[in-house]
Amino acid sequence: MKVPIRVDGSLTHPAVVGTIHSAESLRAGLKLRKGDCDWVELRVDGFFPDVGELRKAAGKLRVPRIVTVRHASEGGEARMTERVRRGLYEEFLKVAGMVDIELRQAAGMAGVTAQAREAGVGVILSHHDFQRTPSAGRLRELAERARDAGADIFKVAAMTQTPGDVARLVEFLADEKNGPPLSVMGMGRYGKVSRLVLAEAGSCLNYGYLGSPNASGQWPVEVLKRRIAELREGGQV
């Protein structure tokens, strides 16, 4: 399913993404109808080494797809060589509307990025920190690197253990205007709160789970979509 990618800041609502990372979540994803969520993320690493089930089902999903083969250093569920990761990205590119590659792996995955652009598939470059929320300076540095690497979207997921962590992500989202659109979310104690606040503040992609969570601080995707809509409706005057 090829879907026009709108990453120019003109989205009229925050997009909600449901993660497919297990057989359980894949079954839930296959039940989704258009409008239940805006995207699904195919976490190919969650099915490795036997990706046959996902391969068969991917084309049947009725929601646009983000393809991710997450590196183990940033939360990936399997260790594999760079060559194997590239091969999986290339295999699933045909069903992708976007691909998500770690910013720190961007150079090694340059061939995948080039193929994605040739196919009209958007590129998300991402950074995950499971220990802390990076400093304001570090967040700006990462955003600059993502911009220079040609990201269509830059995604940050960080551990949020204090209100100050959430405030730092909100400030980053509000102040970072020179780079690509941002997808920003928290994990941990303030993860659920952060995902609502950051969606309202302009995070363009907001992740929930299908089946069962694969990261701390996630909402079920149907609840996340409903809560974001309630917040936006409540803010109308």
Protein backbone atom coordinates (compact mmCIF):
# COMPACT_ATOMS: atom_id res chain seq x y z
CA MET A 1 0.00 0.00 0.00
CA LYS A 2 1.71 3.18 -1.19
CA VAL A 3 0.38 6.27 0.55
CA PRO A 4 1.37 9.89 -0.11
CA ILE A 5 3.71 10.94 2.69
CA ARG A 6 2.91 14.33 4.14
CA VAL A 7 5.90 15.42 6.14
CA ASP A 8 5.79 19.12 5.35
CA GLY A 9 4.11 20.17 8.59
CA SER A 10 0.67 20.44 6.98
CA LEU A 11 -0.87 17.44 8.75
CA THR A 12 -4.16 18.56 10.24
CA HIS A 13 -3.99 16.11 13.14
CA PRO A 14 -1.33 14.07 14.93
CA ALA A 15 -0.95 10.66 13.31
CA VAL A 16 -1.30 7.56 15.49
CA VAL A 17 0.91 4.52 14.86
CA GLY A 18 0.19 0.99 16.09
CA THR A 19 3.20 -1.29 16.58
CA ILE A 20 3.19 -4.82 15.19
CA HIS A 21 5.99 -6.67 16.96
CA SER A 22 4.63 -10.14 17.71
CA ALA A 23 2.21 -12.77 16.44
CA GLU A 24 -0.41 -11.40 18.85
CA SER A 25 -0.02 -7.83 17.60
CA LEU A 26 -0.03 -9.02 13.98
CA ARG A 27 -3.40 -10.69 14.53
CA ALA A 28 -4.70 -7.44 16.00
CA GLY A 29 -3.25 -5.47 13.09
CA LEU A 30 -5.02 -7.64 10.54
CA LYS A 31 -8.33 -6.71 12.16
CA LEU A 32 -7.71 -2.98 11.76
CA ARG A 33 -9.84 -1.05 9.34
CA LYS A 34 -8.95 2.17 7.64
CA GLY A 35 -9.25 4.94 10.21
CA ASP A 36 -8.62 2.76 13.27
CA CYS A 37 -5.11 4.20 13.26
CA ASP A 38 -3.11 6.16 10.71
CA TRP A 39 -0.07 3.86 10.36
CA VAL A 40 1.22 0.55 11.61
CA GLU A 41 4.86 -0.08 12.34
CA LEU A 42 6.12 -3.48 11.21
CA ARG A 43 8.84 -4.36 13.72
CA VAL A 44 10.50 -6.96 11.54
CA ASP A 45 13.12 -7.65 14.23
CA GLY A 46 10.36 -8.94 16.50
CA PHE A 47 9.72 -11.81 14.05
CA PHE A 48 13.34 -12.67 13.24
CA PRO A 49 14.66 -15.18 12.30
CA ASP A 50 11.39 -16.56 10.93
CA VAL A 51 9.72 -13.62 9.20
CA GLY A 52 7.51 -15.82 7.03
CA GLU A 53 4.32 -15.06 8.96
CA LEU A 54 4.91 -11.33 8.68
CA ARG A 55 5.87 -11.63 5.02
CA LYS A 56 2.58 -13.34 4.20
CA ALA A 57 0.45 -10.92 6.20
CA ALA A 58 2.09 -7.56 5.41
CA GLY A 59 0.28 -7.07 2.11
CA LYS A 60 -3.09 -7.81 3.73
CA LEU A 61 -2.89 -4.97 6.24
CA ARG A 62 -5.38 -2.20 5.48
CA VAL A 63 -3.34 0.56 7.14
CA PRO A 64 -0.19 2.24 5.73
CA ARG A 65 3.05 0.70 6.97
CA ILE A 66 6.27 1.88 8.53
CA VAL A 67 8.96 -0.80 8.20
CA THR A 68 11.49 -1.05 11.03
CA VAL A 69 14.30 -3.55 11.58
CA ARG A 70 15.37 -2.15 14.94
CA HIS A 71 19.03 -2.46 15.91
CA ALA A 72 19.63 -4.34 19.17
CA SER A 73 21.48 -1.34 20.64
CA GLU A 74 18.26 0.70 20.48
CA GLY A 75 15.74 -1.84 21.63
CA GLY A 76 15.72 -4.34 18.78
CA GLU A 77 14.48 -7.79 19.73
CA ALA A 78 17.12 -9.74 17.79
CA ARG A 79 20.82 -9.46 17.07
CA MET A 80 21.72 -9.67 13.41
CA THR A 81 24.46 -8.52 11.08
CA GLU A 82 24.21 -5.28 9.17
CA ARG A 83 23.98 -7.28 5.97
CA VAL A 84 20.96 -9.22 7.26
CA ARG A 85 19.28 -6.01 8.43
CA ARG A 86 19.79 -4.39 5.03
CA GLY A 87 18.33 -7.44 3.34
CA LEU A 88 15.21 -7.35 5.51
CA TYR A 89 14.69 -3.64 4.85
CA GLU A 90 15.04 -4.25 1.13
CA GLU A 91 12.64 -7.21 1.24
CA PHE A 92 9.89 -5.31 3.06
CA LEU A 93 10.42 -2.04 1.19
CA LYS A 94 7.77 -3.04 -1.33
CA VAL A 95 5.04 -2.82 1.32
CA ALA A 96 6.39 0.30 3.07
CA GLY A 97 5.11 3.84 3.08
CA MET A 98 8.03 4.80 5.31
CA VAL A 99 11.10 3.14 6.78
CA ASP A 100 12.57 3.87 10.22
CA ILE A 101 16.36 3.64 10.59
CA GLU A 102 18.39 4.62 13.64
CA LEU A 103 20.25 7.88 13.17
CA ARG A 104 23.47 6.26 14.38
CA GLN A 105 23.08 3.56 11.71
CA ALA A 106 22.26 5.95 8.88
CA ALA A 107 25.65 5.74 7.18
CA GLY A 108 25.65 1.94 7.11
CA MET A 109 22.08 1.93 5.79
CA ALA A 110 22.66 4.57 3.10
CA GLY A 111 21.85 2.02 0.39
CA VAL A 112 18.46 1.30 1.98
CA THR A 113 17.76 5.02 2.23
CA ALA A 114 18.61 5.50 -1.45
CA GLN A 115 16.30 2.65 -2.48
CA ALA A 116 13.52 4.07 -0.31
CA ARG A 117 13.80 7.49 -1.95
CA GLU A 118 13.81 5.93 -5.41
CA ALA A 119 10.62 4.05 -4.49
CA GLY A 120 8.91 7.14 -3.05
CA VAL A 121 9.14 5.77 0.49
CA GLY A 122 9.72 8.25 3.31
CA VAL A 123 12.68 7.99 5.67
CA ILE A 124 12.39 8.33 9.45
CA LEU A 125 15.71 8.65 11.29
CA SER A 126 15.34 7.85 14.96
CA HIS A 127 17.09 8.00 18.32
CA HIS A 128 16.15 5.92 21.37
CA ASP A 129 17.48 6.47 24.88
CA PHE A 130 16.28 3.91 27.44
CA GLN A 131 18.26 5.47 30.30
CA ARG A 132 17.41 9.17 30.34
CA THR A 133 16.08 12.18 28.47
CA PRO A 134 18.99 13.79 26.57
CA SER A 135 19.97 17.35 27.40
CA ALA A 136 18.53 20.20 25.37
CA GLY A 137 21.88 20.65 23.63
CA ARG A 138 22.11 16.98 22.78
CA LEU A 139 18.57 16.96 21.34
CA ARG A 140 19.44 19.94 19.13
CA GLU A 141 22.62 18.20 17.98
CA LEU A 142 20.72 15.04 17.07
CA ALA A 143 18.10 17.03 15.16
CA GLU A 144 20.85 18.76 13.16
CA ARG A 145 22.43 15.42 12.31
CA ALA A 146 19.06 14.05 11.17
CA ARG A 147 18.48 17.13 9.02
CA ASP A 148 21.93 16.85 7.45
CA ALA A 149 21.33 13.15 6.78
CA GLY A 150 18.16 14.01 4.84
CA ALA A 151 15.52 12.67 7.22
CA ASP A 152 11.90 13.24 6.27
CA ILE A 153 11.00 12.84 9.96
CA PHE A 154 13.23 12.74 13.03
CA LYS A 155 11.95 10.56 15.87
CA VAL A 156 13.08 10.70 19.50
CA ALA A 157 12.00 8.25 22.20
CA ALA A 158 13.48 8.93 25.63
CA MET A 159 13.07 7.72 29.20
CA THR A 160 10.98 10.22 31.18
CA GLN A 161 11.23 9.78 34.94
CA THR A 162 10.47 13.36 36.07
CA PRO A 163 8.19 16.22 35.01
CA GLY A 164 11.35 18.05 33.95
CA ASP A 165 12.12 15.32 31.41
CA VAL A 166 8.70 15.80 29.83
CA ALA A 167 9.14 19.58 29.86
CA ARG A 168 12.49 19.24 28.06
CA LEU A 169 10.89 17.19 25.27
CA VAL A 170 8.03 19.67 24.94
CA GLU A 171 10.50 22.55 24.73
CA PHE A 172 12.53 20.69 22.11
CA LEU A 173 9.42 20.07 20.05
CA ALA A 174 8.34 23.70 20.34
CA ASP A 175 11.74 25.25 19.61
CA GLU A 176 13.17 22.99 16.89
CA LYS A 177 11.96 24.64 13.69
CA ASN A 178 14.89 24.29 11.29
CA GLY A 179 14.91 20.56 10.78
CA PRO A 180 12.45 17.90 9.62
CA PRO A 181 9.11 17.33 11.35
CA LEU A 182 9.48 15.68 14.74
CA SER A 183 8.01 12.58 16.32
CA VAL A 184 8.73 12.81 20.05
CA MET A 185 7.64 10.49 22.86
CA GLY A 186 8.53 9.48 26.39
CA MET A 187 8.93 6.09 27.99
CA GLY A 188 8.89 5.05 31.63
CA ARG A 189 7.04 6.67 34.53
CA TYR A 190 5.82 9.70 32.57
CA GLY A 191 5.59 7.92 29.23
CA LYS A 192 1.80 7.85 28.94
CA VAL A 193 1.43 11.46 30.05
CA SER A 194 4.16 12.58 27.68
CA ARG A 195 2.59 10.94 24.65
CA LEU A 196 -0.61 12.91 25.06
CA VAL A 197 1.15 16.19 25.81
CA LEU A 198 3.63 15.81 22.95
CA ALA A 199 0.93 14.84 20.47
CA GLU A 200 -0.97 17.99 21.39
CA ALA A 201 2.27 20.00 21.12
CA GLY A 202 2.86 18.84 17.55
CA SER A 203 4.53 15.41 17.49
CA CYS A 204 3.68 14.16 14.00
CA LEU A 205 3.77 10.40 14.73
CA ASN A 206 2.53 9.04 18.07
CA TYR A 207 2.99 5.38 18.91
CA GLY A 208 0.66 3.00 20.72
CA TYR A 209 0.56 -0.77 20.87
CA LEU A 210 -1.48 -3.52 19.31
CA GLY A 211 -1.96 -6.67 21.36
CA SER A 212 0.50 -5.99 24.18
CA PRO A 213 3.06 -3.23 24.76
CA ASN A 214 6.66 -3.52 23.57
CA ALA A 215 7.91 -0.38 25.37
CA SER A 216 7.13 1.21 28.72
CA GLY A 217 4.71 4.12 28.68
CA GLN A 218 2.66 3.07 25.67
CA TRP A 219 -1.13 3.34 25.35
CA PRO A 220 -3.25 0.80 23.49
CA VAL A 221 -3.49 2.31 20.03
CA GLU A 222 -7.29 2.66 20.08
CA VAL A 223 -7.15 4.46 23.44
CA LEU A 224 -4.33 6.74 22.30
CA LYS A 225 -6.24 7.74 19.18
CA ARG A 226 -9.36 8.45 21.22
CA ARG A 227 -7.54 10.43 23.90
CA ILE A 228 -5.70 12.59 21.36
CA ALA A 229 -8.98 13.31 19.59
CA GLU A 230 -10.62 14.24 22.93
CA LEU A 231 -7.81 16.63 23.76
CA ARG A 232 -8.05 18.34 20.39
CA GLU A 233 -11.82 18.58 20.55
CA GLY A 234 -11.60 19.98 24.07
CA GLY A 235 -9.22 22.68 22.90
CA GLN A 236 -11.60 24.04 20.27
CA VAL A 237 -13.12 27.45 20.99
